Amino acid sequence: MRAPILEELEFFGLNPDQIEVAMKNKVPQEHPYFVDLHKVPANEIVNVLTTISDCLERKGQYTPFPYPFYVITPHLKEFSFLTLIPSRSQLPGHFQRKTKRLKAKEKSLLNKTNVQAKKLANLNIEEQLKYLETIRPLQKELKEMTTYNAFLEQLLNKLKAKVKA
C-alpha cells in the first residue's frame, strides 16, 4: 500500500507497440501517472494520444476516477477523456509529495482511500457517467427554478414589510 504520489510514465518511442509496452504494468486507477509529451511534434500528438487512450480503454481504465491520467502537451487543450495540461507546473500539488513513513492516522486514512478506490473500480463508471449526463439538465433547471422562487419570496417579504410600515 503506497501513498498516491505522481509518477512519470516514459515512452522510449512513439509507435503504438512501444507505448503499449510502457503502459503494460501501469494502472492509473491505483496510482496517478503523467506523460510529458512537450517534445513530441504537433503533427504526431493526436496519434500518440489516440494510442494512449486506446490502450487505457482496452484495459478498462478510461475514467478519471479515482486518479486522472495527466498528459503534458502545449499543443492541445482537450482530447477524449485524458486530462491535458500545458506544463509540469500545472500538475496537482497534492500528488507531488516526497515519500516518507506514514503516521498511524495517515495509514488509516490511506486504507480507507484504498477501499474507496477499489469500490470505485468495481462500479460501472461508464453507466454512471451516462446517468449524470442525463440528469444534469434537470438539475440545472431545478436550480434555476429554486433561485427564481427564492427571488419571488424575497420580493414578497419586502412588499409585506412595506405594507406593515
N, C-alpha and C. Protein backbone atom coordinates (compact mmCIF):
# COMPACT_ATOMS: atom_id res chain seq x y z
N MET A 1 0.85 -1.18 0.00
CA MET A 1 0.00 0.00 0.00
C MET A 1 0.89 1.24 0.00
N ARG A 2 0.76 2.04 -1.06
CA ARG A 2 1.57 3.23 -1.19
C ARG A 2 0.68 4.47 -1.24
N ALA A 3 1.24 5.57 -0.80
CA ALA A 3 0.53 6.84 -0.91
C ALA A 3 0.46 7.21 -2.38
N PRO A 4 -0.63 7.86 -2.81
CA PRO A 4 -0.76 8.22 -4.22
C PRO A 4 0.13 9.39 -4.61
N ILE A 5 1.34 9.08 -5.05
CA ILE A 5 2.29 10.11 -5.47
C ILE A 5 2.45 9.99 -6.98
N LEU A 6 2.43 11.14 -7.63
CA LEU A 6 2.53 11.19 -9.09
C LEU A 6 3.80 10.55 -9.60
N GLU A 7 3.67 9.72 -10.61
CA GLU A 7 4.83 9.10 -11.24
C GLU A 7 4.81 9.40 -12.73
N GLU A 8 5.99 9.61 -13.29
CA GLU A 8 6.08 9.89 -14.72
C GLU A 8 6.17 8.57 -15.48
N LEU A 9 5.42 8.49 -16.55
CA LEU A 9 5.45 7.34 -17.44
C LEU A 9 6.27 7.75 -18.66
N GLU A 10 7.35 7.04 -18.91
CA GLU A 10 8.24 7.41 -20.01
C GLU A 10 8.10 6.44 -21.16
N PHE A 11 8.01 6.99 -22.36
CA PHE A 11 7.96 6.19 -23.57
C PHE A 11 9.33 6.23 -24.23
N PHE A 12 9.79 5.09 -24.70
CA PHE A 12 11.09 5.03 -25.36
C PHE A 12 10.95 5.10 -26.87
N GLY A 13 9.76 5.34 -27.32
CA GLY A 13 9.47 5.51 -28.74
C GLY A 13 8.01 5.90 -28.87
N LEU A 14 7.61 6.36 -30.03
CA LEU A 14 6.25 6.84 -30.19
C LEU A 14 5.35 5.91 -31.01
N ASN A 15 5.87 4.75 -31.38
CA ASN A 15 4.96 3.86 -32.11
C ASN A 15 4.06 3.13 -31.12
N PRO A 16 2.90 2.67 -31.57
CA PRO A 16 1.92 2.07 -30.66
C PRO A 16 2.44 0.90 -29.83
N ASP A 17 3.31 0.07 -30.40
CA ASP A 17 3.84 -1.07 -29.64
C ASP A 17 4.68 -0.62 -28.46
N GLN A 18 5.52 0.37 -28.67
CA GLN A 18 6.38 0.86 -27.59
C GLN A 18 5.56 1.54 -26.49
N ILE A 19 4.53 2.26 -26.89
CA ILE A 19 3.66 2.92 -25.91
C ILE A 19 2.92 1.86 -25.09
N GLU A 20 2.43 0.83 -25.77
CA GLU A 20 1.70 -0.22 -25.07
C GLU A 20 2.60 -0.98 -24.09
N VAL A 21 3.85 -1.23 -24.48
CA VAL A 21 4.80 -1.91 -23.59
C VAL A 21 5.07 -1.04 -22.36
N ALA A 22 5.23 0.27 -22.56
CA ALA A 22 5.50 1.17 -21.44
C ALA A 22 4.32 1.23 -20.47
N MET A 23 3.10 1.08 -21.00
CA MET A 23 1.91 1.17 -20.15
C MET A 23 1.43 -0.19 -19.64
N LYS A 24 2.14 -1.23 -19.98
CA LYS A 24 1.70 -2.60 -19.67
C LYS A 24 1.38 -2.82 -18.19
N ASN A 25 2.28 -2.46 -17.30
CA ASN A 25 2.09 -2.74 -15.87
C ASN A 25 1.61 -1.53 -15.08
N LYS A 26 1.28 -0.45 -15.76
CA LYS A 26 0.83 0.76 -15.08
C LYS A 26 -0.69 0.76 -15.00
N VAL A 27 -1.20 1.01 -13.81
CA VAL A 27 -2.64 1.01 -13.58
C VAL A 27 -3.04 2.37 -13.01
N PRO A 28 -3.53 3.29 -13.86
CA PRO A 28 -3.89 4.62 -13.38
C PRO A 28 -4.98 4.64 -12.31
N GLN A 29 -5.78 3.59 -12.22
CA GLN A 29 -6.82 3.58 -11.19
C GLN A 29 -6.24 3.29 -9.82
N GLU A 30 -5.00 2.83 -9.74
CA GLU A 30 -4.38 2.56 -8.46
C GLU A 30 -3.34 3.61 -8.08
N HIS A 31 -2.94 4.40 -9.06
CA HIS A 31 -1.84 5.33 -8.83
C HIS A 31 -1.93 6.45 -9.87
N PRO A 32 -1.66 7.71 -9.52
CA PRO A 32 -1.69 8.78 -10.53
C PRO A 32 -0.41 8.79 -11.38
N TYR A 33 -0.59 8.91 -12.69
CA TYR A 33 0.54 8.94 -13.62
C TYR A 33 0.43 10.16 -14.52
N PHE A 34 1.58 10.56 -15.07
CA PHE A 34 1.58 11.59 -16.09
C PHE A 34 2.60 11.25 -17.16
N VAL A 35 2.35 11.78 -18.35
CA VAL A 35 3.23 11.60 -19.50
C VAL A 35 3.59 12.99 -20.01
N ASP A 36 4.87 13.23 -20.21
CA ASP A 36 5.33 14.53 -20.71
C ASP A 36 5.57 14.41 -22.21
N LEU A 37 4.70 15.04 -23.00
CA LEU A 37 4.80 14.98 -24.45
C LEU A 37 5.14 16.34 -25.07
N HIS A 38 5.78 17.21 -24.30
CA HIS A 38 6.06 18.54 -24.84
C HIS A 38 7.12 18.52 -25.94
N LYS A 39 7.92 17.45 -26.04
CA LYS A 39 8.93 17.35 -27.09
C LYS A 39 8.40 16.67 -28.35
N VAL A 40 7.20 16.12 -28.27
CA VAL A 40 6.62 15.44 -29.42
C VAL A 40 6.11 16.50 -30.41
N PRO A 41 6.42 16.33 -31.69
CA PRO A 41 5.94 17.30 -32.70
C PRO A 41 4.42 17.38 -32.72
N ALA A 42 3.91 18.56 -33.05
CA ALA A 42 2.47 18.81 -33.03
C ALA A 42 1.71 17.88 -33.97
N ASN A 43 2.32 17.50 -35.09
CA ASN A 43 1.60 16.65 -36.04
C ASN A 43 1.50 15.19 -35.57
N GLU A 44 2.26 14.79 -34.56
CA GLU A 44 2.21 13.42 -34.05
C GLU A 44 1.42 13.28 -32.75
N ILE A 45 1.08 14.41 -32.13
CA ILE A 45 0.40 14.40 -30.82
C ILE A 45 -0.90 13.61 -30.86
N VAL A 46 -1.73 13.86 -31.86
CA VAL A 46 -3.04 13.20 -31.92
C VAL A 46 -2.87 11.69 -32.03
N ASN A 47 -1.91 11.22 -32.81
CA ASN A 47 -1.67 9.78 -32.94
C ASN A 47 -1.23 9.17 -31.61
N VAL A 48 -0.32 9.85 -30.92
CA VAL A 48 0.17 9.35 -29.63
C VAL A 48 -0.97 9.32 -28.60
N LEU A 49 -1.76 10.40 -28.54
CA LEU A 49 -2.87 10.45 -27.59
C LEU A 49 -3.93 9.39 -27.91
N THR A 50 -4.16 9.15 -29.19
CA THR A 50 -5.11 8.10 -29.58
C THR A 50 -4.61 6.73 -29.12
N THR A 51 -3.32 6.49 -29.27
CA THR A 51 -2.74 5.22 -28.83
C THR A 51 -2.87 5.06 -27.32
N ILE A 52 -2.58 6.13 -26.57
CA ILE A 52 -2.68 6.09 -25.11
C ILE A 52 -4.13 5.82 -24.70
N SER A 53 -5.07 6.55 -25.28
CA SER A 53 -6.47 6.36 -24.89
C SER A 53 -6.98 4.98 -25.28
N ASP A 54 -6.57 4.48 -26.45
CA ASP A 54 -6.97 3.12 -26.85
C ASP A 54 -6.43 2.08 -25.88
N CYS A 55 -5.18 2.26 -25.48
CA CYS A 55 -4.56 1.32 -24.54
C CYS A 55 -5.31 1.33 -23.20
N LEU A 56 -5.65 2.51 -22.71
CA LEU A 56 -6.38 2.62 -21.44
C LEU A 56 -7.78 2.03 -21.57
N GLU A 57 -8.42 2.24 -22.71
CA GLU A 57 -9.77 1.69 -22.91
C GLU A 57 -9.74 0.17 -22.96
N ARG A 58 -8.73 -0.40 -23.62
CA ARG A 58 -8.63 -1.86 -23.68
C ARG A 58 -8.43 -2.45 -22.29
N LYS A 59 -7.73 -1.71 -21.42
CA LYS A 59 -7.51 -2.20 -20.06
C LYS A 59 -8.70 -1.86 -19.15
N GLY A 60 -9.68 -1.10 -19.68
CA GLY A 60 -10.84 -0.73 -18.88
C GLY A 60 -10.53 0.37 -17.87
N GLN A 61 -9.57 1.21 -18.17
CA GLN A 61 -9.15 2.25 -17.23
C GLN A 61 -9.26 3.63 -17.87
N TYR A 62 -10.38 3.90 -18.46
CA TYR A 62 -10.54 5.12 -19.23
C TYR A 62 -11.33 6.20 -18.50
N THR A 63 -11.42 6.13 -17.20
CA THR A 63 -12.14 7.16 -16.45
C THR A 63 -11.16 7.92 -15.57
N PRO A 64 -11.50 9.14 -15.22
CA PRO A 64 -10.62 9.91 -14.35
C PRO A 64 -10.77 9.57 -12.87
N PHE A 65 -11.43 8.47 -12.56
CA PHE A 65 -11.65 8.09 -11.17
C PHE A 65 -10.80 6.91 -10.79
N PRO A 66 -10.21 6.81 -9.67
CA PRO A 66 -10.01 7.86 -8.67
C PRO A 66 -8.84 8.79 -9.01
N TYR A 67 -7.97 8.39 -9.96
CA TYR A 67 -6.85 9.24 -10.34
C TYR A 67 -6.86 9.48 -11.84
N PRO A 68 -6.83 10.74 -12.25
CA PRO A 68 -6.77 11.00 -13.68
C PRO A 68 -5.39 10.69 -14.26
N PHE A 69 -5.35 10.48 -15.54
CA PHE A 69 -4.11 10.23 -16.26
C PHE A 69 -3.74 11.56 -16.94
N TYR A 70 -2.67 12.20 -16.46
CA TYR A 70 -2.29 13.52 -16.95
C TYR A 70 -1.35 13.42 -18.14
N VAL A 71 -1.57 14.27 -19.13
CA VAL A 71 -0.71 14.35 -20.31
C VAL A 71 -0.26 15.80 -20.44
N ILE A 72 1.05 16.00 -20.46
CA ILE A 72 1.60 17.35 -20.58
C ILE A 72 1.89 17.60 -22.05
N THR A 73 1.14 18.52 -22.64
CA THR A 73 1.36 18.92 -24.02
C THR A 73 0.84 20.34 -24.22
N PRO A 74 1.67 21.20 -24.81
CA PRO A 74 1.21 22.56 -25.08
C PRO A 74 0.41 22.67 -26.38
N HIS A 75 0.31 21.58 -27.14
CA HIS A 75 -0.30 21.64 -28.46
C HIS A 75 -1.82 21.53 -28.46
N LEU A 76 -2.40 20.83 -27.50
CA LEU A 76 -3.86 20.63 -27.46
C LEU A 76 -4.41 21.05 -26.11
N LYS A 77 -5.68 21.41 -26.11
CA LYS A 77 -6.35 21.79 -24.87
C LYS A 77 -7.24 20.66 -24.35
N GLU A 78 -7.76 19.82 -25.28
CA GLU A 78 -8.72 18.80 -24.89
C GLU A 78 -8.59 17.60 -25.82
N PHE A 79 -8.70 16.40 -25.24
CA PHE A 79 -8.67 15.20 -26.06
C PHE A 79 -9.31 14.06 -25.28
N SER A 80 -10.40 13.55 -25.79
CA SER A 80 -11.07 12.39 -25.23
C SER A 80 -11.24 12.55 -23.72
N PHE A 81 -10.94 11.52 -22.96
CA PHE A 81 -11.10 11.55 -21.51
C PHE A 81 -9.81 11.88 -20.79
N LEU A 82 -8.72 12.09 -21.53
CA LEU A 82 -7.42 12.37 -20.91
C LEU A 82 -7.38 13.80 -20.40
N THR A 83 -6.68 14.01 -19.30
CA THR A 83 -6.52 15.33 -18.73
C THR A 83 -5.25 15.95 -19.31
N LEU A 84 -5.43 16.95 -20.17
CA LEU A 84 -4.29 17.60 -20.82
C LEU A 84 -3.95 18.89 -20.10
N ILE A 85 -2.66 19.09 -19.84
CA ILE A 85 -2.19 20.31 -19.20
C ILE A 85 -0.98 20.82 -19.98
N PRO A 86 -0.74 22.14 -19.97
CA PRO A 86 0.34 22.70 -20.80
C PRO A 86 1.75 22.54 -20.24
N SER A 87 1.91 22.41 -18.92
CA SER A 87 3.26 22.32 -18.37
C SER A 87 3.26 21.54 -17.06
N ARG A 88 4.46 21.17 -16.62
CA ARG A 88 4.59 20.41 -15.37
C ARG A 88 4.11 21.20 -14.16
N SER A 89 4.20 22.52 -14.23
CA SER A 89 3.76 23.34 -13.10
C SER A 89 2.26 23.25 -12.87
N GLN A 90 1.52 22.79 -13.88
CA GLN A 90 0.07 22.65 -13.76
C GLN A 90 -0.36 21.33 -13.12
N LEU A 91 0.59 20.43 -12.88
CA LEU A 91 0.25 19.16 -12.22
C LEU A 91 -0.24 19.45 -10.80
N PRO A 92 -1.21 18.70 -10.30
CA PRO A 92 -1.75 18.97 -8.97
C PRO A 92 -0.70 18.77 -7.88
N GLY A 93 -0.60 19.73 -7.00
CA GLY A 93 0.40 19.70 -5.93
C GLY A 93 0.16 18.62 -4.89
N HIS A 94 -1.11 18.21 -4.70
CA HIS A 94 -1.39 17.22 -3.65
C HIS A 94 -0.86 15.83 -4.00
N PHE A 95 -0.49 15.60 -5.26
CA PHE A 95 0.13 14.32 -5.62
C PHE A 95 1.65 14.42 -5.69
N GLN A 96 2.20 15.61 -5.53
CA GLN A 96 3.64 15.81 -5.66
C GLN A 96 4.27 15.92 -4.27
N ARG A 97 4.41 14.82 -3.64
CA ARG A 97 4.99 14.78 -2.30
C ARG A 97 6.15 13.79 -2.30
N LYS A 98 7.10 14.04 -1.43
CA LYS A 98 8.18 13.07 -1.27
C LYS A 98 7.67 11.93 -0.40
N THR A 99 8.13 10.74 -0.71
CA THR A 99 7.69 9.60 0.08
C THR A 99 8.34 9.63 1.45
N LYS A 100 7.56 9.33 2.45
CA LYS A 100 8.06 9.27 3.82
C LYS A 100 7.22 8.26 4.57
N ARG A 101 7.70 7.91 5.72
CA ARG A 101 6.97 6.95 6.55
C ARG A 101 5.68 7.61 7.05
N LEU A 102 4.58 6.87 6.89
CA LEU A 102 3.28 7.41 7.28
C LEU A 102 3.02 7.18 8.77
N LYS A 103 2.32 8.13 9.36
CA LYS A 103 1.90 8.00 10.76
C LYS A 103 0.66 7.12 10.81
N ALA A 104 0.27 6.72 12.01
CA ALA A 104 -0.85 5.79 12.17
C ALA A 104 -2.15 6.35 11.58
N LYS A 105 -2.44 7.61 11.85
CA LYS A 105 -3.67 8.21 11.35
C LYS A 105 -3.64 8.31 9.82
N GLU A 106 -2.47 8.62 9.27
CA GLU A 106 -2.32 8.70 7.81
C GLU A 106 -2.50 7.32 7.18
N LYS A 107 -1.99 6.29 7.83
CA LYS A 107 -2.17 4.92 7.32
C LYS A 107 -3.64 4.54 7.32
N SER A 108 -4.33 4.92 8.39
CA SER A 108 -5.75 4.62 8.48
C SER A 108 -6.52 5.32 7.35
N LEU A 109 -6.21 6.58 7.11
CA LEU A 109 -6.87 7.30 6.02
C LEU A 109 -6.52 6.72 4.66
N LEU A 110 -5.29 6.30 4.50
CA LEU A 110 -4.88 5.69 3.24
C LEU A 110 -5.60 4.36 3.01
N ASN A 111 -5.78 3.58 4.08
CA ASN A 111 -6.54 2.33 3.96
C ASN A 111 -7.98 2.61 3.51
N LYS A 112 -8.60 3.64 4.12
CA LYS A 112 -9.97 4.00 3.73
C LYS A 112 -10.00 4.44 2.27
N THR A 113 -9.00 5.21 1.86
CA THR A 113 -8.93 5.67 0.47
C THR A 113 -8.77 4.50 -0.48
N ASN A 114 -7.94 3.54 -0.11
CA ASN A 114 -7.75 2.36 -0.96
C ASN A 114 -9.04 1.55 -1.10
N VAL A 115 -9.78 1.42 0.00
CA VAL A 115 -11.05 0.69 -0.04
C VAL A 115 -12.03 1.40 -0.96
N GLN A 116 -12.09 2.74 -0.83
CA GLN A 116 -13.00 3.51 -1.69
C GLN A 116 -12.57 3.42 -3.16
N ALA A 117 -11.26 3.43 -3.41
CA ALA A 117 -10.76 3.32 -4.78
C ALA A 117 -11.14 1.96 -5.38
N LYS A 118 -11.06 0.90 -4.58
CA LYS A 118 -11.44 -0.43 -5.07
C LYS A 118 -12.94 -0.51 -5.34
N LYS A 119 -13.74 0.15 -4.49
CA LYS A 119 -15.18 0.18 -4.73
C LYS A 119 -15.47 0.92 -6.03
N LEU A 120 -14.75 2.02 -6.25
CA LEU A 120 -14.92 2.78 -7.48
C LEU A 120 -14.54 1.96 -8.70
N ALA A 121 -13.48 1.18 -8.57
CA ALA A 121 -13.03 0.35 -9.69
C ALA A 121 -14.06 -0.72 -10.02
N ASN A 122 -14.84 -1.15 -9.04
CA ASN A 122 -15.85 -2.18 -9.26
C ASN A 122 -17.14 -1.63 -9.85
N LEU A 123 -17.33 -0.32 -9.77
CA LEU A 123 -18.54 0.28 -10.33
C LEU A 123 -18.48 0.31 -11.84
N ASN A 124 -19.64 0.36 -12.45
CA ASN A 124 -19.71 0.55 -13.88
C ASN A 124 -19.69 2.06 -14.13
N ILE A 125 -18.50 2.62 -14.24
CA ILE A 125 -18.33 4.07 -14.34
C ILE A 125 -19.00 4.63 -15.59
N GLU A 126 -18.90 3.91 -16.68
CA GLU A 126 -19.49 4.40 -17.94
C GLU A 126 -21.00 4.60 -17.78
N GLU A 127 -21.64 3.65 -17.12
CA GLU A 127 -23.08 3.75 -16.89
C GLU A 127 -23.40 4.93 -15.98
N GLN A 128 -22.59 5.12 -14.94
CA GLN A 128 -22.80 6.23 -14.01
C GLN A 128 -22.61 7.58 -14.71
N LEU A 129 -21.61 7.68 -15.59
CA LEU A 129 -21.37 8.94 -16.31
C LEU A 129 -22.54 9.24 -17.26
N LYS A 130 -23.08 8.22 -17.90
CA LYS A 130 -24.25 8.42 -18.77
C LYS A 130 -25.44 8.92 -17.96
N TYR A 131 -25.63 8.33 -16.78
CA TYR A 131 -26.72 8.76 -15.90
C TYR A 131 -26.54 10.22 -15.50
N LEU A 132 -25.31 10.61 -15.17
CA LEU A 132 -25.05 12.00 -14.80
C LEU A 132 -25.32 12.95 -15.96
N GLU A 133 -24.97 12.53 -17.17
CA GLU A 133 -25.23 13.36 -18.34
C GLU A 133 -26.73 13.55 -18.56
N THR A 134 -27.53 12.52 -18.30
CA THR A 134 -28.98 12.66 -18.50
C THR A 134 -29.62 13.50 -17.41
N ILE A 135 -29.08 13.45 -16.21
CA ILE A 135 -29.71 14.17 -15.10
C ILE A 135 -29.22 15.62 -14.97
N ARG A 136 -28.09 15.93 -15.58
CA ARG A 136 -27.51 17.28 -15.46
C ARG A 136 -28.48 18.39 -15.90
N PRO A 137 -29.15 18.28 -17.05
CA PRO A 137 -30.08 19.36 -17.44
C PRO A 137 -31.22 19.53 -16.45
N LEU A 138 -31.71 18.42 -15.90
CA LEU A 138 -32.79 18.51 -14.92
C LEU A 138 -32.32 19.23 -13.65
N GLN A 139 -31.08 18.95 -13.24
CA GLN A 139 -30.54 19.62 -12.05
C GLN A 139 -30.38 21.12 -12.30
N LYS A 140 -29.95 21.50 -13.50
CA LYS A 140 -29.80 22.92 -13.83
C LYS A 140 -31.16 23.62 -13.82
N GLU A 141 -32.16 22.95 -14.39
CA GLU A 141 -33.49 23.52 -14.42
C GLU A 141 -34.05 23.69 -13.01
N LEU A 142 -33.82 22.71 -12.15
CA LEU A 142 -34.26 22.79 -10.77
C LEU A 142 -33.59 23.95 -10.05
N LYS A 143 -32.30 24.14 -10.28
CA LYS A 143 -31.57 25.24 -9.65
C LYS A 143 -32.14 26.59 -10.10
N GLU A 144 -32.40 26.73 -11.39
CA GLU A 144 -32.96 27.99 -11.90
C GLU A 144 -34.33 28.26 -11.30
N MET A 145 -35.14 27.23 -11.19
CA MET A 145 -36.48 27.40 -10.63
C MET A 145 -36.43 27.78 -9.15
N THR A 146 -35.56 27.13 -8.38
CA THR A 146 -35.47 27.46 -6.96
C THR A 146 -34.88 28.84 -6.74
N THR A 147 -33.94 29.24 -7.60
CA THR A 147 -33.38 30.59 -7.49
C THR A 147 -34.45 31.63 -7.77
N TYR A 148 -35.24 31.39 -8.80
CA TYR A 148 -36.32 32.32 -9.13
C TYR A 148 -37.37 32.35 -8.02
N ASN A 149 -37.67 31.18 -7.46
CA ASN A 149 -38.64 31.08 -6.36
C ASN A 149 -38.13 31.86 -5.14
N ALA A 150 -36.84 31.73 -4.83
CA ALA A 150 -36.27 32.46 -3.69
C ALA A 150 -36.34 33.96 -3.94
N PHE A 151 -36.10 34.40 -5.17
CA PHE A 151 -36.20 35.81 -5.51
C PHE A 151 -37.62 36.32 -5.29
N LEU A 152 -38.61 35.54 -5.74
CA LEU A 152 -40.01 35.95 -5.58
C LEU A 152 -40.40 36.01 -4.10
N GLU A 153 -39.93 35.04 -3.31
CA GLU A 153 -40.23 35.06 -1.88
C GLU A 153 -39.62 36.28 -1.21
N GLN A 154 -38.40 36.62 -1.59
CA GLN A 154 -37.74 37.79 -1.02
C GLN A 154 -38.50 39.07 -1.40
N LEU A 155 -38.96 39.15 -2.64
CA LEU A 155 -39.74 40.29 -3.10
C LEU A 155 -41.05 40.39 -2.34
N LEU A 156 -41.70 39.26 -2.15
CA LEU A 156 -42.96 39.21 -1.40
C LEU A 156 -42.75 39.67 0.04
N ASN A 157 -41.70 39.23 0.69
CA ASN A 157 -41.39 39.65 2.07
C ASN A 157 -41.14 41.14 2.16
N LYS A 158 -40.46 41.70 1.18
CA LYS A 158 -40.22 43.16 1.16
C LYS A 158 -41.53 43.92 1.00
N LEU A 159 -42.41 43.42 0.13
CA LEU A 159 -43.71 44.08 -0.06
C LEU A 159 -44.57 44.00 1.22
N LYS A 160 -44.55 42.85 1.88
CA LYS A 160 -45.28 42.71 3.14
C LYS A 160 -44.74 43.64 4.18
N ALA A 161 -43.41 43.79 4.24
CA ALA A 161 -42.79 44.70 5.21
C ALA A 161 -43.19 46.15 4.94
N LYS A 162 -43.31 46.54 3.67
CA LYS A 162 -43.72 47.91 3.33
C LYS A 162 -45.17 48.15 3.66
N VAL A 163 -46.02 47.15 3.48
CA VAL A 163 -47.45 47.28 3.77
C VAL A 163 -47.65 47.45 5.28
N LYS A 164 -46.89 46.74 6.08
CA LYS A 164 -47.00 46.82 7.54
C LYS A 164 -46.49 48.17 8.05
N ALA A 165 -45.53 48.75 7.38
CA ALA A 165 -44.93 50.01 7.86
C ALA A 165 -45.75 51.22 7.57
